């Protein structure tokens, strides 16, 4: 269910010629190709079904879109790895399997609907310490228990050059999502904002912040991968941000 592969995309220059300011992830190629083929076949005897297939094909291109993002340069700013809506902020001890120690830390959960961009981006620069994959169920990703029971893939990252300053982020499959794609490997040096994978068709992303880091987001907030600031690591155990979404 999980695939480690290189990221490919339609050239942005080609897409911009038709007024589209995004590329398409390679995972979408097969869906778009099959959709176009089926649409052409239906054109021979059922124009209505042909148009339905064509609309679904366009949606696939929309789902696998990869819009440009502006990554904050400040090394202390930890950014969101996923688009979506913050569905949970918890302060607890991580599960032992992650190897993050027994100190409490914040976990921020982001729910991705089928309409969100599903490209995942690295929240910080550093070195990939471990990648932990677990098979599981496909419950509604908006539920808290999805983090425990659903199929998931966790990346543990040593921030910067400090091998003891660890954080983790988990790709969680959802009720519709049936494939997790991860493009990085253990021991790899990675840069904040770079693409590291995606989850197909609705999912969830859990982020375990470094010990002492405080979320700068609130529940219900809309997140933009690679751009929205999730936490400022220069602020240690301050007051959580308060507010309401409007």
C-alpha atoms as a PDB file:
ATOM      1  CA  UNK A   1       0.000   0.000   0.000  1.00  0.00           C
ATOM      2  CA  UNK A   2       2.946   2.330   0.505  1.00  0.00           C
ATOM      3  CA  UNK A   3       5.253   3.294  -2.328  1.00  0.00           C
ATOM      4  CA  UNK A   4       8.622   5.020  -2.227  1.00  0.00           C
ATOM      5  CA  UNK A   5       9.154   6.746  -5.561  1.00  0.00           C
ATOM      6  CA  UNK A   6      10.409   9.886  -7.215  1.00  0.00           C
ATOM      7  CA  UNK A   7       8.041  12.773  -7.823  1.00  0.00           C
ATOM      8  CA  UNK A   8       7.269  13.650 -11.445  1.00  0.00           C
ATOM      9  CA  UNK A   9       4.900  16.267 -12.803  1.00  0.00           C
ATOM     10  CA  UNK A  10       3.626  17.942 -15.938  1.00  0.00           C
ATOM     11  CA  UNK A  11       5.885  20.939 -16.727  1.00  0.00           C
ATOM     12  CA  UNK A  12       4.449  24.087 -15.150  1.00  0.00           C
ATOM     13  CA  UNK A  13       5.119  26.071 -18.327  1.00  0.00           C
ATOM     14  CA  UNK A  14       2.863  23.770 -20.360  1.00  0.00           C
ATOM     15  CA  UNK A  15       0.029  24.018 -17.816  1.00  0.00           C
ATOM     16  CA  UNK A  16       0.313  27.802 -17.585  1.00  0.00           C
ATOM     17  CA  UNK A  17      -0.355  28.088 -21.316  1.00  0.00           C
ATOM     18  CA  UNK A  18      -3.956  27.136 -20.619  1.00  0.00           C
ATOM     19  CA  UNK A  19      -4.269  29.336 -17.534  1.00  0.00           C
ATOM     20  CA  UNK A  20      -3.547  26.612 -14.949  1.00  0.00           C
ATOM     21  CA  UNK A  21      -0.971  27.564 -12.328  1.00  0.00           C
ATOM     22  CA  UNK A  22      -0.124  24.110 -11.009  1.00  0.00           C
ATOM     23  CA  UNK A  23       1.559  20.895 -12.020  1.00  0.00           C
ATOM     24  CA  UNK A  24       0.127  17.384 -11.574  1.00  0.00           C
ATOM     25  CA  UNK A  25       1.780  14.714  -9.421  1.00  0.00           C
ATOM     26  CA  UNK A  26       2.817  11.539 -11.235  1.00  0.00           C
ATOM     27  CA  UNK A  27       0.325   9.501  -9.180  1.00  0.00           C
ATOM     28  CA  UNK A  28      -2.451  11.222 -11.104  1.00  0.00           C
ATOM     29  CA  UNK A  29      -1.201  10.259 -14.577  1.00  0.00           C
ATOM     30  CA  UNK A  30      -2.835   6.812 -14.631  1.00  0.00           C
ATOM     31  CA  UNK A  31      -6.203   8.116 -13.407  1.00  0.00           C
ATOM     32  CA  UNK A  32      -6.201  10.911 -15.974  1.00  0.00           C
ATOM     33  CA  UNK A  33      -5.103   8.547 -18.766  1.00  0.00           C
ATOM     34  CA  UNK A  34      -7.732   5.918 -17.982  1.00  0.00           C
ATOM     35  CA  UNK A  35     -10.397   8.603 -17.620  1.00  0.00           C
ATOM     36  CA  UNK A  36      -9.630  10.083 -21.029  1.00  0.00           C
ATOM     37  CA  UNK A  37      -9.599   6.635 -22.645  1.00  0.00           C
ATOM     38  CA  UNK A  38     -12.952   5.661 -21.119  1.00  0.00           C
ATOM     39  CA  UNK A  39     -14.431   9.030 -22.133  1.00  0.00           C
ATOM     40  CA  UNK A  40     -13.405   8.446 -25.760  1.00  0.00           C
ATOM     41  CA  UNK A  41     -14.914   4.960 -25.739  1.00  0.00           C
ATOM     42  CA  UNK A  42     -18.227   6.226 -24.326  1.00  0.00           C
ATOM     43  CA  UNK A  43     -18.311   8.957 -26.993  1.00  0.00           C
ATOM     44  CA  UNK A  44     -19.036   6.199 -29.535  1.00  0.00           C
ATOM     45  CA  UNK A  45     -22.375   5.184 -28.022  1.00  0.00           C
ATOM     46  CA  UNK A  46     -23.234   7.287 -24.939  1.00  0.00           C
ATOM     47  CA  UNK A  47     -22.332  10.997 -24.958  1.00  0.00           C
ATOM     48  CA  UNK A  48     -23.911  11.471 -21.505  1.00  0.00           C
ATOM     49  CA  UNK A  49     -21.616   8.889 -19.887  1.00  0.00           C
ATOM     50  CA  UNK A  50     -18.729  10.293 -21.879  1.00  0.00           C
ATOM     51  CA  UNK A  51     -19.253  13.712 -20.319  1.00  0.00           C
ATOM     52  CA  UNK A  52     -19.584  12.180 -16.843  1.00  0.00           C
ATOM     53  CA  UNK A  53     -16.270  10.377 -17.302  1.00  0.00           C
ATOM     54  CA  UNK A  54     -14.670  13.544 -18.623  1.00  0.00           C
ATOM     55  CA  UNK A  55     -15.805  15.499 -15.551  1.00  0.00           C
ATOM     56  CA  UNK A  56     -14.356  12.798 -13.277  1.00  0.00           C
ATOM     57  CA  UNK A  57     -11.102  12.950 -15.241  1.00  0.00           C
ATOM     58  CA  UNK A  58     -10.885  16.699 -14.749  1.00  0.00           C
ATOM     59  CA  UNK A  59     -11.509  16.160 -11.027  1.00  0.00           C
ATOM     60  CA  UNK A  60      -8.594  13.700 -10.913  1.00  0.00           C
ATOM     61  CA  UNK A  61      -6.310  16.344 -12.416  1.00  0.00           C
ATOM     62  CA  UNK A  62      -7.644  18.791  -9.807  1.00  0.00           C
ATOM     63  CA  UNK A  63      -7.122  16.317  -6.967  1.00  0.00           C
ATOM     64  CA  UNK A  64      -3.488  15.582  -7.879  1.00  0.00           C
ATOM     65  CA  UNK A  65      -2.667  19.265  -8.424  1.00  0.00           C
ATOM     66  CA  UNK A  66       0.612  20.646  -7.115  1.00  0.00           C
ATOM     67  CA  UNK A  67       0.332  24.443  -6.796  1.00  0.00           C
ATOM     68  CA  UNK A  68       3.438  26.575  -6.134  1.00  0.00           C
ATOM     69  CA  UNK A  69       4.129  27.455  -2.511  1.00  0.00           C
ATOM     70  CA  UNK A  70       6.273  30.142  -0.833  1.00  0.00           C
ATOM     71  CA  UNK A  71       8.280  28.547   1.994  1.00  0.00           C
ATOM     72  CA  UNK A  72       9.205  30.719   5.039  1.00  0.00           C
ATOM     73  CA  UNK A  73      12.994  31.106   5.194  1.00  0.00           C
ATOM     74  CA  UNK A  74      13.274  31.512   8.992  1.00  0.00           C
ATOM     75  CA  UNK A  75      14.887  28.330  10.360  1.00  0.00           C
ATOM     76  CA  UNK A  76      12.777  28.513  13.542  1.00  0.00           C
ATOM     77  CA  UNK A  77       9.457  28.378  11.686  1.00  0.00           C
ATOM     78  CA  UNK A  78       7.894  24.932  11.427  1.00  0.00           C
ATOM     79  CA  UNK A  79       5.319  24.775   8.628  1.00  0.00           C
ATOM     80  CA  UNK A  80       2.307  22.610   7.983  1.00  0.00           C
ATOM     81  CA  UNK A  81       3.041  19.384   6.056  1.00  0.00           C
ATOM     82  CA  UNK A  82      -0.491  19.242   4.666  1.00  0.00           C
ATOM     83  CA  UNK A  83      -3.389  21.304   3.383  1.00  0.00           C
ATOM     84  CA  UNK A  84      -6.634  20.885   5.270  1.00  0.00           C
ATOM     85  CA  UNK A  85      -8.349  21.826   8.533  1.00  0.00           C
ATOM     86  CA  UNK A  86      -6.949  21.483  12.057  1.00  0.00           C
ATOM     87  CA  UNK A  87      -9.190  18.876  13.677  1.00  0.00           C
ATOM     88  CA  UNK A  88      -7.294  18.349  16.926  1.00  0.00           C
ATOM     89  CA  UNK A  89      -4.595  19.762  19.209  1.00  0.00           C
ATOM     90  CA  UNK A  90      -3.455  17.438  22.013  1.00  0.00           C
ATOM     91  CA  UNK A  91      -0.720  17.495  24.662  1.00  0.00           C
ATOM     92  CA  UNK A  92       0.380  13.950  25.429  1.00  0.00           C
ATOM     93  CA  UNK A  93       3.182  11.378  25.500  1.00  0.00           C
ATOM     94  CA  UNK A  94       3.884   9.898  22.029  1.00  0.00           C
ATOM     95  CA  UNK A  95       3.509   6.167  21.523  1.00  0.00           C
ATOM     96  CA  UNK A  96       6.718   4.257  22.319  1.00  0.00           C
ATOM     97  CA  UNK A  97       7.050   2.937  18.755  1.00  0.00           C
ATOM     98  CA  UNK A  98       7.953   6.431  17.505  1.00  0.00           C
ATOM     99  CA  UNK A  99      11.061   6.644  19.673  1.00  0.00           C
ATOM    100  CA  UNK A 100      10.323  10.242  20.685  1.00  0.00           C
ATOM    101  CA  UNK A 101      10.836   9.685  24.417  1.00  0.00           C
ATOM    102  CA  UNK A 102       8.419   9.865  27.333  1.00  0.00           C
ATOM    103  CA  UNK A 103       7.997  13.633  27.655  1.00  0.00           C
ATOM    104  CA  UNK A 104       4.675  15.206  26.763  1.00  0.00           C
ATOM    105  CA  UNK A 105       4.552  17.226  23.563  1.00  0.00           C
ATOM    106  CA  UNK A 106       1.916  18.769  21.345  1.00  0.00           C
ATOM    107  CA  UNK A 107       0.306  16.824  18.519  1.00  0.00           C
ATOM    108  CA  UNK A 108      -1.586  18.739  15.829  1.00  0.00           C
ATOM    109  CA  UNK A 109      -3.965  16.804  13.573  1.00  0.00           C
ATOM    110  CA  UNK A 110      -5.032  18.018  10.122  1.00  0.00           C
ATOM    111  CA  UNK A 111      -7.960  16.568   8.193  1.00  0.00           C
ATOM    112  CA  UNK A 112      -7.788  16.602   4.386  1.00  0.00           C
ATOM    113  CA  UNK A 113     -11.035  16.402   2.430  1.00  0.00           C
ATOM    114  CA  UNK A 114     -11.124  15.229  -1.186  1.00  0.00           C
ATOM    115  CA  UNK A 115     -11.109  18.899  -2.239  1.00  0.00           C
ATOM    116  CA  UNK A 116      -7.826  19.774  -0.529  1.00  0.00           C
ATOM    117  CA  UNK A 117      -4.403  19.624  -2.167  1.00  0.00           C
ATOM    118  CA  UNK A 118      -3.012  16.236  -1.120  1.00  0.00           C
ATOM    119  CA  UNK A 119       0.674  16.891  -1.785  1.00  0.00           C
ATOM    120  CA  UNK A 120       2.622  16.563   1.500  1.00  0.00           C
ATOM    121  CA  UNK A 121       5.552  18.900   2.230  1.00  0.00           C
ATOM    122  CA  UNK A 122       8.323  18.648   4.799  1.00  0.00           C
ATOM    123  CA  UNK A 123       7.620  20.818   7.878  1.00  0.00           C
ATOM    124  CA  UNK A 124      11.300  21.350   8.739  1.00  0.00           C
ATOM    125  CA  UNK A 125      14.798  20.753   7.404  1.00  0.00           C
ATOM    126  CA  UNK A 126      16.837  17.961   8.940  1.00  0.00           C
ATOM    127  CA  UNK A 127      17.673  14.282   8.640  1.00  0.00           C
ATOM    128  CA  UNK A 128      15.163  11.452   8.419  1.00  0.00           C
ATOM    129  CA  UNK A 129      15.873   9.253  11.446  1.00  0.00           C
ATOM    130  CA  UNK A 130      13.273   6.579  10.773  1.00  0.00           C
ATOM    131  CA  UNK A 131      10.170   5.745   8.751  1.00  0.00           C
ATOM    132  CA  UNK A 132       7.561   3.575  10.455  1.00  0.00           C
ATOM    133  CA  UNK A 133       4.762   2.020   8.422  1.00  0.00           C
ATOM    134  CA  UNK A 134       1.699   0.311   9.911  1.00  0.00           C
ATOM    135  CA  UNK A 135      -1.055  -1.460   7.967  1.00  0.00           C
ATOM    136  CA  UNK A 136      -4.539  -0.893   9.335  1.00  0.00           C
ATOM    137  CA  UNK A 137      -8.168   0.001   8.750  1.00  0.00           C
ATOM    138  CA  UNK A 138      -9.714   2.792   6.675  1.00  0.00           C
ATOM    139  CA  UNK A 139     -11.949   4.601   9.150  1.00  0.00           C
ATOM    140  CA  UNK A 140     -13.115   8.178   8.637  1.00  0.00           C
ATOM    141  CA  UNK A 141      -9.882  10.184   8.909  1.00  0.00           C
ATOM    142  CA  UNK A 142     -11.665  12.953  10.849  1.00  0.00           C
ATOM    143  CA  UNK A 143     -12.094  10.610  13.835  1.00  0.00           C
ATOM    144  CA  UNK A 144      -9.453  10.611  16.591  1.00  0.00           C
ATOM    145  CA  UNK A 145      -9.217   6.819  16.538  1.00  0.00           C
ATOM    146  CA  UNK A 146      -8.076   6.960  12.905  1.00  0.00           C
ATOM    147  CA  UNK A 147      -4.601   7.895  14.197  1.00  0.00           C
ATOM    148  CA  UNK A 148      -4.462   4.543  16.025  1.00  0.00           C
ATOM    149  CA  UNK A 149      -6.396   2.098  13.853  1.00  0.00           C
ATOM    150  CA  UNK A 150      -5.927   3.327  10.269  1.00  0.00           C
ATOM    151  CA  UNK A 151      -3.133   2.511   7.865  1.00  0.00           C
ATOM    152  CA  UNK A 152      -0.384   5.069   8.449  1.00  0.00           C
ATOM    153  CA  UNK A 153       3.197   6.014   7.714  1.00  0.00           C
ATOM    154  CA  UNK A 154       5.276   8.030  10.199  1.00  0.00           C
ATOM    155  CA  UNK A 155       8.468   9.974   9.452  1.00  0.00           C
ATOM    156  CA  UNK A 156      10.675  10.766  12.459  1.00  0.00           C
ATOM    157  CA  UNK A 157      12.882  13.765  11.729  1.00  0.00           C
ATOM    158  CA  UNK A 158      15.974  15.068  13.518  1.00  0.00           C
ATOM    159  CA  UNK A 159      15.732  18.850  13.155  1.00  0.00           C
ATOM    160  CA  UNK A 160      18.745  20.582  11.647  1.00  0.00           C
ATOM    161  CA  UNK A 161      22.009  19.072  12.901  1.00  0.00           C
ATOM    162  CA  UNK A 162      20.655  18.220  16.362  1.00  0.00           C
ATOM    163  CA  UNK A 163      20.088  14.463  16.352  1.00  0.00           C
ATOM    164  CA  UNK A 164      18.321  14.665  19.739  1.00  0.00           C
ATOM    165  CA  UNK A 165      15.776  17.307  18.715  1.00  0.00           C
ATOM    166  CA  UNK A 166      13.115  15.089  17.191  1.00  0.00           C
ATOM    167  CA  UNK A 167       9.687  15.587  15.707  1.00  0.00           C
ATOM    168  CA  UNK A 168       7.396  13.276  13.750  1.00  0.00           C
ATOM    169  CA  UNK A 169       4.629  13.550  11.192  1.00  0.00           C
ATOM    170  CA  UNK A 170       2.250  10.799  10.142  1.00  0.00           C
ATOM    171  CA  UNK A 171       0.397  10.233   6.886  1.00  0.00           C
ATOM    172  CA  UNK A 172      -2.896   8.557   7.823  1.00  0.00           C
ATOM    173  CA  UNK A 173      -5.098   6.873   5.212  1.00  0.00           C
ATOM    174  CA  UNK A 174      -8.823   7.637   5.375  1.00  0.00           C
ATOM    175  CA  UNK A 175     -12.126   6.005   4.464  1.00  0.00           C
ATOM    176  CA  UNK A 176     -11.615   6.707   0.754  1.00  0.00           C
ATOM    177  CA  UNK A 177      -7.818   6.965   0.670  1.00  0.00           C
ATOM    178  CA  UNK A 178      -6.253   3.583  -0.041  1.00  0.00           C
ATOM    179  CA  UNK A 179      -2.687   4.437  -0.892  1.00  0.00           C
ATOM    180  CA  UNK A 180       0.068   6.289   0.937  1.00  0.00           C
ATOM    181  CA  UNK A 181       2.975   7.524  -1.175  1.00  0.00           C
ATOM    182  CA  UNK A 182       6.271   8.464   0.493  1.00  0.00           C
ATOM    183  CA  UNK A 183       9.190   9.787  -1.570  1.00  0.00           C
ATOM    184  CA  UNK A 184      11.915   9.938   1.099  1.00  0.00           C
ATOM    185  CA  UNK A 185      14.033   7.338   2.887  1.00  0.00           C
ATOM    186  CA  UNK A 186      15.806   6.825   6.202  1.00  0.00           C
ATOM    187  CA  UNK A 187      19.056   8.745   6.559  1.00  0.00           C
ATOM    188  CA  UNK A 188      18.125  11.303   3.894  1.00  0.00           C
ATOM    189  CA  UNK A 189      18.907  14.988   4.404  1.00  0.00           C
ATOM    190  CA  UNK A 190      15.742  16.954   3.615  1.00  0.00           C
ATOM    191  CA  UNK A 191      14.716  20.599   3.251  1.00  0.00           C
ATOM    192  CA  UNK A 192      11.677  22.393   4.641  1.00  0.00           C
ATOM    193  CA  UNK A 193       8.891  22.777   2.111  1.00  0.00           C
ATOM    194  CA  UNK A 194      10.083  20.048  -0.257  1.00  0.00           C
ATOM    195  CA  UNK A 195       7.489  17.489  -1.374  1.00  0.00           C
ATOM    196  CA  UNK A 196       7.804  14.134   0.374  1.00  0.00           C
ATOM    197  CA  UNK A 197       4.644  12.314  -0.720  1.00  0.00           C
ATOM    198  CA  UNK A 198       0.848  12.284  -0.800  1.00  0.00           C
ATOM    199  CA  UNK A 199      -2.210  10.341   0.325  1.00  0.00           C
ATOM    200  CA  UNK A 200      -4.852   9.558  -2.252  1.00  0.00           C
ATOM    201  CA  UNK A 201      -8.468  10.729  -1.878  1.00  0.00           C
ATOM    202  CA  UNK A 202      -9.139  12.065   1.625  1.00  0.00           C
ATOM    203  CA  UNK A 203      -6.864  11.556   4.627  1.00  0.00           C
ATOM    204  CA  UNK A 204      -5.272  12.914   7.794  1.00  0.00           C
ATOM    205  CA  UNK A 205      -1.882  14.145   8.930  1.00  0.00           C
ATOM    206  CA  UNK A 206      -0.690  14.096  12.557  1.00  0.00           C
ATOM    207  CA  UNK A 207       2.318  16.211  13.549  1.00  0.00           C
ATOM    208  CA  UNK A 208       4.234  15.621  16.788  1.00  0.00           C
ATOM    209  CA  UNK A 209       6.029  18.893  17.553  1.00  0.00           C
ATOM    210  CA  UNK A 210       9.484  18.961  19.199  1.00  0.00           C
ATOM    211  CA  UNK A 211       9.459  18.933  23.024  1.00  0.00           C
ATOM    212  CA  UNK A 212       8.741  22.471  24.252  1.00  0.00           C
ATOM    213  CA  UNK A 213       7.333  23.716  20.942  1.00  0.00           C
ATOM    214  CA  UNK A 214       3.897  25.357  21.042  1.00  0.00           C
ATOM    215  CA  UNK A 215       1.293  25.281  18.236  1.00  0.00           C
ATOM    216  CA  UNK A 216       0.602  28.655  16.638  1.00  0.00           C
ATOM    217  CA  UNK A 217      -2.689  27.433  15.154  1.00  0.00           C
ATOM    218  CA  UNK A 218      -6.202  26.795  16.462  1.00  0.00           C
ATOM    219  CA  UNK A 219      -8.745  24.057  15.922  1.00  0.00           C
ATOM    220  CA  UNK A 220     -10.770  24.689  12.769  1.00  0.00           C
ATOM    221  CA  UNK A 221      -8.018  26.724  11.087  1.00  0.00           C
ATOM    222  CA  UNK A 222      -7.359  26.172   7.393  1.00  0.00           C
ATOM    223  CA  UNK A 223      -3.805  25.024   6.683  1.00  0.00           C
ATOM    224  CA  UNK A 224      -1.644  25.423   3.573  1.00  0.00           C
ATOM    225  CA  UNK A 225       1.199  22.928   3.214  1.00  0.00           C
ATOM    226  CA  UNK A 226       4.623  24.534   3.168  1.00  0.00           C
ATOM    227  CA  UNK A 227       3.268  28.005   3.985  1.00  0.00           C
ATOM    228  CA  UNK A 228       1.137  28.040   7.137  1.00  0.00           C
ATOM    229  CA  UNK A 229       3.314  28.429  10.231  1.00  0.00           C
ATOM    230  CA  UNK A 230       2.534  25.585  12.613  1.00  0.00           C
ATOM    231  CA  UNK A 231       4.992  26.596  15.346  1.00  0.00           C
ATOM    232  CA  UNK A 232       7.835  29.020  16.053  1.00  0.00           C
ATOM    233  CA  UNK A 233      10.592  26.980  17.711  1.00  0.00           C
ATOM    234  CA  UNK A 234      12.076  30.114  19.244  1.00  0.00           C
ATOM    235  CA  UNK A 235       8.952  30.329  21.453  1.00  0.00           C
ATOM    236  CA  UNK A 236       9.195  27.711  24.203  1.00  0.00           C
ATOM    237  CA  UNK A 237       6.129  26.627  26.180  1.00  0.00           C
ATOM    238  CA  UNK A 238       4.331  29.925  25.829  1.00  0.00           C
ATOM    239  CA  UNK A 239       0.605  30.483  25.827  1.00  0.00           C
ATOM    240  CA  UNK A 240      -1.406  28.648  23.185  1.00  0.00           C
ATOM    241  CA  UNK A 241      -2.941  30.834  20.522  1.00  0.00           C
ATOM    242  CA  UNK A 242      -6.565  31.627  21.228  1.00  0.00           C
ATOM    243  CA  UNK A 243      -9.315  32.642  18.849  1.00  0.00           C
ATOM    244  CA  UNK A 244     -12.096  31.416  16.610  1.00  0.00           C
ATOM    245  CA  UNK A 245     -12.238  30.743  12.907  1.00  0.00           C
ATOM    246  CA  UNK A 246     -14.403  33.048  10.808  1.00  0.00           C
END
